[in-house]
Amino acid sequence: MAEITIYHNPQCGTSRNTLALIRNSGAEPEVIEYVQTPPSRETLRQLISAMGIPVRELIREKGTPYAELQLDNPALTDEQLLDAMGAHPILINRPIVVTPLGTRLCRPSEVVLDILPAPQRGAFTKEDGEPVINDKGERVAGA
């Protein structure tokens, strides 16, 4: 089993940048394309618990059926929100990364640096041109 797991959406730039940062540390993670292979309800609960966030914080609004499902309704229970994410995995915000050092929703992608077991091996620039890691493998100020 891989030491690092990423719940990934290849259509998402943040997810692609996060995966690239993991690989820049020399690791090859288990990549779970969660839209095609959604986590079970129990796995989703475990991930949310490990991240220490409310269920609602894991729901993605942009580019999803969030509005049409009226998920902004504060009366909805965690169970109802989990049901919605199970029925529509695109509602699960991404990327979620699990390492021996913790579990995080990596938005922005640099959040992954806090839980990677190995240091970065070289320079890294995000797809949008923002530098994150310098040529010495060190975080750039502000990243």
N, C-alpha and C. Protein backbone atom coordinates (compact mmCIF):
# COMPACT_ATOMS: atom_id res chain seq x y z
N MET A 1 0.84 -1.19 0.00
CA MET A 1 0.00 0.00 0.00
C MET A 1 0.88 1.25 0.00
N ALA A 2 0.45 2.26 -0.74
CA ALA A 2 1.21 3.50 -0.85
C ALA A 2 1.22 4.23 0.49
N GLU A 3 2.31 4.92 0.76
CA GLU A 3 2.44 5.70 1.97
C GLU A 3 1.59 6.97 1.90
N ILE A 4 1.31 7.41 0.68
CA ILE A 4 0.54 8.63 0.45
C ILE A 4 -0.62 8.30 -0.49
N THR A 5 -1.80 8.83 -0.16
CA THR A 5 -2.97 8.67 -1.01
C THR A 5 -3.51 10.05 -1.32
N ILE A 6 -3.88 10.26 -2.58
CA ILE A 6 -4.52 11.51 -2.99
C ILE A 6 -5.85 11.18 -3.63
N TYR A 7 -6.89 11.84 -3.14
CA TYR A 7 -8.21 11.79 -3.78
C TYR A 7 -8.19 12.93 -4.78
N HIS A 8 -8.11 12.56 -6.05
CA HIS A 8 -7.69 13.44 -7.14
C HIS A 8 -8.76 13.59 -8.20
N ASN A 9 -8.81 14.79 -8.76
CA ASN A 9 -9.62 15.04 -9.96
C ASN A 9 -8.68 15.64 -11.00
N PRO A 10 -8.37 14.88 -12.05
CA PRO A 10 -7.42 15.38 -13.04
C PRO A 10 -7.90 16.61 -13.80
N GLN A 11 -9.18 16.94 -13.68
CA GLN A 11 -9.72 18.14 -14.33
C GLN A 11 -9.46 19.40 -13.51
N CYS A 12 -8.95 19.25 -12.29
CA CYS A 12 -8.76 20.36 -11.35
C CYS A 12 -7.29 20.76 -11.28
N GLY A 13 -7.01 22.03 -11.54
CA GLY A 13 -5.64 22.51 -11.48
C GLY A 13 -5.02 22.39 -10.10
N THR A 14 -5.78 22.68 -9.06
CA THR A 14 -5.25 22.54 -7.69
C THR A 14 -4.88 21.10 -7.41
N SER A 15 -5.71 20.18 -7.86
CA SER A 15 -5.44 18.76 -7.66
C SER A 15 -4.19 18.33 -8.45
N ARG A 16 -4.06 18.80 -9.68
CA ARG A 16 -2.87 18.47 -10.49
C ARG A 16 -1.61 19.03 -9.85
N ASN A 17 -1.67 20.28 -9.36
CA ASN A 17 -0.51 20.88 -8.69
C ASN A 17 -0.14 20.11 -7.43
N THR A 18 -1.13 19.68 -6.67
CA THR A 18 -0.87 18.93 -5.45
C THR A 18 -0.20 17.60 -5.76
N LEU A 19 -0.71 16.90 -6.76
CA LEU A 19 -0.11 15.63 -7.18
C LEU A 19 1.34 15.86 -7.63
N ALA A 20 1.57 16.93 -8.36
CA ALA A 20 2.94 17.22 -8.81
C ALA A 20 3.87 17.53 -7.64
N LEU A 21 3.37 18.23 -6.61
CA LEU A 21 4.19 18.50 -5.43
C LEU A 21 4.53 17.21 -4.69
N ILE A 22 3.57 16.29 -4.61
CA ILE A 22 3.85 14.99 -3.98
C ILE A 22 4.96 14.29 -4.75
N ARG A 23 4.83 14.26 -6.06
CA ARG A 23 5.85 13.58 -6.89
C ARG A 23 7.18 14.31 -6.83
N ASN A 24 7.18 15.62 -6.63
CA ASN A 24 8.41 16.40 -6.52
C ASN A 24 9.17 16.05 -5.24
N SER A 25 8.49 15.38 -4.30
CA SER A 25 9.17 14.93 -3.08
C SER A 25 9.76 13.53 -3.25
N GLY A 26 9.56 12.95 -4.44
CA GLY A 26 10.09 11.62 -4.71
C GLY A 26 9.10 10.50 -4.44
N ALA A 27 7.91 10.84 -4.00
CA ALA A 27 6.89 9.83 -3.69
C ALA A 27 6.00 9.57 -4.90
N GLU A 28 5.53 8.35 -5.00
CA GLU A 28 4.51 8.01 -6.00
C GLU A 28 3.28 7.58 -5.21
N PRO A 29 2.29 8.46 -5.13
CA PRO A 29 1.12 8.17 -4.29
C PRO A 29 0.14 7.21 -4.95
N GLU A 30 -0.73 6.67 -4.12
CA GLU A 30 -1.91 5.98 -4.63
C GLU A 30 -2.84 7.10 -5.07
N VAL A 31 -3.23 7.09 -6.33
CA VAL A 31 -4.10 8.13 -6.87
C VAL A 31 -5.50 7.55 -7.03
N ILE A 32 -6.45 8.15 -6.33
CA ILE A 32 -7.84 7.72 -6.43
C ILE A 32 -8.61 8.83 -7.12
N GLU A 33 -9.04 8.56 -8.34
CA GLU A 33 -9.87 9.53 -9.06
C GLU A 33 -11.28 9.38 -8.51
N TYR A 34 -11.56 10.19 -7.51
CA TYR A 34 -12.76 9.98 -6.68
C TYR A 34 -14.08 10.21 -7.41
N VAL A 35 -14.07 10.90 -8.54
CA VAL A 35 -15.32 11.07 -9.29
C VAL A 35 -15.72 9.73 -9.91
N GLN A 36 -14.73 8.98 -10.42
CA GLN A 36 -15.00 7.65 -10.98
C GLN A 36 -15.08 6.57 -9.90
N THR A 37 -14.30 6.72 -8.84
CA THR A 37 -14.25 5.73 -7.76
C THR A 37 -14.45 6.48 -6.44
N PRO A 38 -15.70 6.82 -6.13
CA PRO A 38 -15.95 7.61 -4.92
C PRO A 38 -15.63 6.83 -3.65
N PRO A 39 -15.18 7.55 -2.63
CA PRO A 39 -14.95 6.88 -1.34
C PRO A 39 -16.29 6.43 -0.75
N SER A 40 -16.27 5.36 0.01
CA SER A 40 -17.48 4.92 0.70
C SER A 40 -17.89 5.98 1.72
N ARG A 41 -19.11 5.88 2.17
CA ARG A 41 -19.60 6.80 3.20
C ARG A 41 -18.70 6.74 4.44
N GLU A 42 -18.30 5.54 4.84
CA GLU A 42 -17.46 5.38 6.02
C GLU A 42 -16.07 5.99 5.78
N THR A 43 -15.51 5.79 4.60
CA THR A 43 -14.21 6.40 4.28
C THR A 43 -14.33 7.92 4.30
N LEU A 44 -15.40 8.43 3.74
CA LEU A 44 -15.61 9.88 3.74
C LEU A 44 -15.70 10.41 5.17
N ARG A 45 -16.42 9.71 6.02
CA ARG A 45 -16.51 10.09 7.45
C ARG A 45 -15.12 10.09 8.09
N GLN A 46 -14.34 9.04 7.81
CA GLN A 46 -12.99 8.94 8.39
C GLN A 46 -12.10 10.08 7.92
N LEU A 47 -12.17 10.41 6.62
CA LEU A 47 -11.37 11.50 6.09
C LEU A 47 -11.74 12.82 6.75
N ILE A 48 -13.03 13.08 6.86
CA ILE A 48 -13.51 14.32 7.48
C ILE A 48 -13.05 14.40 8.92
N SER A 49 -13.16 13.30 9.64
CA SER A 49 -12.72 13.25 11.03
C SER A 49 -11.21 13.50 11.14
N ALA A 50 -10.44 12.85 10.26
CA ALA A 50 -8.98 13.01 10.28
C ALA A 50 -8.56 14.45 9.95
N MET A 51 -9.34 15.11 9.10
CA MET A 51 -9.03 16.50 8.75
C MET A 51 -9.48 17.46 9.84
N GLY A 52 -10.41 17.00 10.69
CA GLY A 52 -10.91 17.86 11.77
C GLY A 52 -11.75 19.01 11.27
N ILE A 53 -12.50 18.78 10.20
CA ILE A 53 -13.34 19.84 9.63
C ILE A 53 -14.81 19.41 9.69
N PRO A 54 -15.72 20.38 9.64
CA PRO A 54 -17.14 20.02 9.54
C PRO A 54 -17.44 19.42 8.17
N VAL A 55 -18.43 18.57 8.11
CA VAL A 55 -18.83 17.95 6.84
C VAL A 55 -19.08 19.02 5.78
N ARG A 56 -19.77 20.06 6.15
CA ARG A 56 -20.13 21.12 5.19
C ARG A 56 -18.89 21.76 4.54
N GLU A 57 -17.78 21.78 5.25
CA GLU A 57 -16.56 22.38 4.72
C GLU A 57 -15.95 21.57 3.57
N LEU A 58 -16.35 20.33 3.43
CA LEU A 58 -15.81 19.48 2.36
C LEU A 58 -16.65 19.56 1.08
N ILE A 59 -17.74 20.30 1.12
CA ILE A 59 -18.61 20.37 -0.06
C ILE A 59 -18.15 21.48 -0.99
N ARG A 60 -18.02 21.11 -2.24
CA ARG A 60 -17.62 22.06 -3.28
C ARG A 60 -18.87 22.64 -3.93
N GLU A 61 -18.88 23.95 -4.12
CA GLU A 61 -20.03 24.62 -4.73
C GLU A 61 -19.84 24.81 -6.24
N LYS A 62 -18.69 25.33 -6.63
CA LYS A 62 -18.43 25.70 -8.02
C LYS A 62 -18.41 24.47 -8.93
N GLY A 63 -19.17 24.54 -10.02
CA GLY A 63 -19.15 23.47 -11.01
C GLY A 63 -19.82 22.19 -10.55
N THR A 64 -20.75 22.31 -9.60
CA THR A 64 -21.43 21.14 -9.04
C THR A 64 -22.93 21.41 -8.96
N PRO A 65 -23.73 20.39 -8.62
CA PRO A 65 -25.17 20.61 -8.43
C PRO A 65 -25.53 21.20 -7.06
N TYR A 66 -24.58 21.86 -6.41
CA TYR A 66 -24.78 22.42 -5.07
C TYR A 66 -26.05 23.27 -4.98
N ALA A 67 -26.19 24.24 -5.88
CA ALA A 67 -27.34 25.16 -5.82
C ALA A 67 -28.65 24.43 -6.10
N GLU A 68 -28.66 23.61 -7.15
CA GLU A 68 -29.91 22.93 -7.50
C GLU A 68 -30.36 21.96 -6.41
N LEU A 69 -29.42 21.41 -5.65
CA LEU A 69 -29.75 20.52 -4.54
C LEU A 69 -30.03 21.28 -3.24
N GLN A 70 -29.89 22.61 -3.30
CA GLN A 70 -30.15 23.50 -2.16
C GLN A 70 -29.32 23.09 -0.93
N LEU A 71 -28.05 22.79 -1.18
CA LEU A 71 -27.17 22.35 -0.10
C LEU A 71 -26.73 23.49 0.81
N ASP A 72 -27.09 24.72 0.45
CA ASP A 72 -26.79 25.85 1.32
C ASP A 72 -27.78 25.94 2.49
N ASN A 73 -28.79 25.09 2.50
CA ASN A 73 -29.79 25.07 3.56
C ASN A 73 -29.13 24.64 4.88
N PRO A 74 -29.07 25.55 5.87
CA PRO A 74 -28.40 25.22 7.13
C PRO A 74 -29.12 24.13 7.93
N ALA A 75 -30.36 23.81 7.57
CA ALA A 75 -31.11 22.77 8.29
C ALA A 75 -30.67 21.36 7.88
N LEU A 76 -29.92 21.24 6.79
CA LEU A 76 -29.48 19.91 6.35
C LEU A 76 -28.50 19.32 7.36
N THR A 77 -28.70 18.07 7.67
CA THR A 77 -27.83 17.38 8.63
C THR A 77 -26.55 16.89 7.94
N ASP A 78 -25.57 16.52 8.74
CA ASP A 78 -24.34 15.94 8.19
C ASP A 78 -24.68 14.70 7.37
N GLU A 79 -25.63 13.90 7.84
CA GLU A 79 -26.01 12.68 7.11
C GLU A 79 -26.58 13.02 5.74
N GLN A 80 -27.39 14.06 5.67
CA GLN A 80 -27.95 14.47 4.38
C GLN A 80 -26.85 15.00 3.46
N LEU A 81 -25.89 15.71 4.01
CA LEU A 81 -24.77 16.21 3.20
C LEU A 81 -23.91 15.04 2.70
N LEU A 82 -23.68 14.05 3.56
CA LEU A 82 -22.94 12.86 3.14
C LEU A 82 -23.70 12.11 2.04
N ASP A 83 -25.02 12.03 2.16
CA ASP A 83 -25.85 11.42 1.12
C ASP A 83 -25.64 12.13 -0.22
N ALA A 84 -25.64 13.46 -0.18
CA ALA A 84 -25.48 14.25 -1.40
C ALA A 84 -24.11 13.99 -2.03
N MET A 85 -23.05 13.96 -1.20
CA MET A 85 -21.71 13.70 -1.72
C MET A 85 -21.60 12.28 -2.28
N GLY A 86 -22.29 11.34 -1.65
CA GLY A 86 -22.28 9.97 -2.15
C GLY A 86 -22.99 9.85 -3.50
N ALA A 87 -24.08 10.58 -3.65
CA ALA A 87 -24.84 10.55 -4.89
C ALA A 87 -24.17 11.36 -6.01
N HIS A 88 -23.44 12.39 -5.62
CA HIS A 88 -22.79 13.30 -6.58
C HIS A 88 -21.35 13.55 -6.12
N PRO A 89 -20.42 12.62 -6.40
CA PRO A 89 -19.04 12.76 -5.89
C PRO A 89 -18.35 14.06 -6.30
N ILE A 90 -18.82 14.70 -7.37
CA ILE A 90 -18.21 15.96 -7.78
C ILE A 90 -18.37 17.03 -6.69
N LEU A 91 -19.31 16.80 -5.76
CA LEU A 91 -19.50 17.72 -4.64
C LEU A 91 -18.36 17.65 -3.62
N ILE A 92 -17.56 16.59 -3.66
CA ILE A 92 -16.47 16.45 -2.70
C ILE A 92 -15.34 17.38 -3.12
N ASN A 93 -14.98 18.29 -2.24
CA ASN A 93 -13.90 19.22 -2.55
C ASN A 93 -12.58 18.45 -2.62
N ARG A 94 -11.67 18.96 -3.39
CA ARG A 94 -10.42 18.24 -3.64
C ARG A 94 -9.26 19.21 -3.74
N PRO A 95 -8.10 18.62 -3.66
CA PRO A 95 -7.73 17.24 -3.39
C PRO A 95 -7.61 16.96 -1.90
N ILE A 96 -7.90 15.75 -1.52
CA ILE A 96 -7.67 15.30 -0.15
C ILE A 96 -6.44 14.42 -0.20
N VAL A 97 -5.48 14.69 0.69
CA VAL A 97 -4.24 13.91 0.73
C VAL A 97 -4.08 13.30 2.11
N VAL A 98 -3.74 12.00 2.12
CA VAL A 98 -3.50 11.27 3.35
C VAL A 98 -2.04 10.82 3.34
N THR A 99 -1.31 11.17 4.41
CA THR A 99 0.09 10.74 4.56
C THR A 99 0.26 10.26 6.01
N PRO A 100 1.41 9.69 6.33
CA PRO A 100 1.65 9.32 7.72
C PRO A 100 1.66 10.53 8.66
N LEU A 101 1.80 11.72 8.11
CA LEU A 101 1.86 12.93 8.93
C LEU A 101 0.53 13.65 9.05
N GLY A 102 -0.51 13.15 8.38
CA GLY A 102 -1.81 13.79 8.51
C GLY A 102 -2.66 13.67 7.25
N THR A 103 -3.86 14.20 7.37
CA THR A 103 -4.83 14.22 6.28
C THR A 103 -5.28 15.67 6.11
N ARG A 104 -5.25 16.15 4.88
CA ARG A 104 -5.62 17.54 4.62
C ARG A 104 -6.39 17.68 3.31
N LEU A 105 -7.27 18.69 3.32
CA LEU A 105 -7.86 19.20 2.09
C LEU A 105 -6.83 20.21 1.59
N CYS A 106 -6.20 19.92 0.48
CA CYS A 106 -5.05 20.72 0.03
C CYS A 106 -5.48 21.84 -0.91
N ARG A 107 -6.14 22.81 -0.33
CA ARG A 107 -6.53 24.03 -1.02
C ARG A 107 -6.02 25.18 -0.18
N PRO A 108 -5.03 25.89 -0.61
CA PRO A 108 -4.29 25.75 -1.86
C PRO A 108 -3.37 24.53 -1.84
N SER A 109 -2.83 24.22 -3.00
CA SER A 109 -2.03 23.01 -3.15
C SER A 109 -0.82 22.96 -2.22
N GLU A 110 -0.28 24.11 -1.82
CA GLU A 110 0.90 24.14 -0.95
C GLU A 110 0.65 23.53 0.43
N VAL A 111 -0.62 23.40 0.81
CA VAL A 111 -0.95 22.79 2.10
C VAL A 111 -0.32 21.40 2.20
N VAL A 112 -0.19 20.72 1.07
CA VAL A 112 0.37 19.36 1.08
C VAL A 112 1.80 19.35 1.62
N LEU A 113 2.53 20.44 1.48
CA LEU A 113 3.92 20.50 1.95
C LEU A 113 4.02 20.25 3.45
N ASP A 114 2.96 20.60 4.19
CA ASP A 114 2.96 20.43 5.64
C ASP A 114 2.84 18.98 6.08
N ILE A 115 2.41 18.09 5.18
CA ILE A 115 2.19 16.69 5.58
C ILE A 115 3.00 15.69 4.76
N LEU A 116 3.89 16.18 3.91
CA LEU A 116 4.72 15.25 3.13
C LEU A 116 5.89 14.76 3.99
N PRO A 117 6.12 13.45 4.02
CA PRO A 117 7.21 12.90 4.83
C PRO A 117 8.61 13.27 4.31
N ALA A 118 8.74 13.49 3.00
CA ALA A 118 10.05 13.79 2.42
C ALA A 118 10.06 15.22 1.89
N PRO A 119 11.24 15.86 1.91
CA PRO A 119 11.34 17.22 1.39
C PRO A 119 11.24 17.26 -0.14
N GLN A 120 11.00 18.44 -0.64
CA GLN A 120 10.97 18.64 -2.09
C GLN A 120 12.37 18.45 -2.65
N ARG A 121 12.43 17.89 -3.85
CA ARG A 121 13.72 17.56 -4.47
C ARG A 121 14.25 18.62 -5.42
N GLY A 122 13.42 19.57 -5.77
CA GLY A 122 13.85 20.60 -6.71
C GLY A 122 12.80 21.66 -6.85
N ALA A 123 13.03 22.56 -7.78
CA ALA A 123 12.12 23.69 -7.99
C ALA A 123 10.75 23.20 -8.44
N PHE A 124 9.73 23.98 -8.06
CA PHE A 124 8.37 23.67 -8.48
C PHE A 124 7.62 24.97 -8.69
N THR A 125 6.95 25.05 -9.83
CA THR A 125 6.11 26.19 -10.17
C THR A 125 4.72 25.65 -10.52
N LYS A 126 3.69 26.29 -9.99
CA LYS A 126 2.32 25.88 -10.29
C LYS A 126 2.01 26.09 -11.77
N GLU A 127 0.95 25.46 -12.21
CA GLU A 127 0.53 25.59 -13.61
C GLU A 127 0.30 27.04 -14.01
N ASP A 128 -0.12 27.89 -13.06
CA ASP A 128 -0.39 29.29 -13.37
C ASP A 128 0.86 30.16 -13.34
N GLY A 129 2.03 29.53 -13.12
CA GLY A 129 3.29 30.26 -13.13
C GLY A 129 3.77 30.72 -11.76
N GLU A 130 2.98 30.48 -10.70
CA GLU A 130 3.38 30.90 -9.36
C GLU A 130 4.45 29.96 -8.81
N PRO A 131 5.64 30.50 -8.45
CA PRO A 131 6.68 29.66 -7.88
C PRO A 131 6.32 29.24 -6.45
N VAL A 132 6.58 27.98 -6.13
CA VAL A 132 6.28 27.46 -4.80
C VAL A 132 7.56 26.98 -4.12
N ILE A 133 8.42 26.30 -4.88
CA ILE A 133 9.66 25.73 -4.36
C ILE A 133 10.82 26.25 -5.21
N ASN A 134 11.90 26.70 -4.55
CA ASN A 134 13.06 27.18 -5.31
C ASN A 134 13.95 26.02 -5.73
N ASP A 135 15.05 26.32 -6.42
CA ASP A 135 15.91 25.26 -6.95
C ASP A 135 16.69 24.51 -5.86
N LYS A 136 16.60 24.98 -4.61
CA LYS A 136 17.22 24.27 -3.49
C LYS A 136 16.21 23.37 -2.77
N GLY A 137 14.97 23.33 -3.30
CA GLY A 137 13.93 22.52 -2.68
C GLY A 137 13.28 23.20 -1.49
N GLU A 138 13.45 24.53 -1.38
CA GLU A 138 12.89 25.27 -0.26
C GLU A 138 11.65 26.04 -0.68
N ARG A 139 10.73 26.20 0.26
CA ARG A 139 9.52 26.97 0.00
C ARG A 139 9.87 28.41 -0.32
N VAL A 140 9.21 28.94 -1.35
CA VAL A 140 9.35 30.33 -1.70
C VAL A 140 8.51 31.14 -0.72
N ALA A 141 9.00 32.31 -0.32
CA ALA A 141 8.26 33.17 0.62
C ALA A 141 6.84 33.38 0.12
N GLY A 142 5.89 33.20 1.05
CA GLY A 142 4.48 33.38 0.70
C GLY A 142 3.81 32.10 0.23
N ALA A 143 4.58 31.08 -0.06
CA ALA A 143 3.99 29.83 -0.55
C ALA A 143 3.63 28.91 0.59
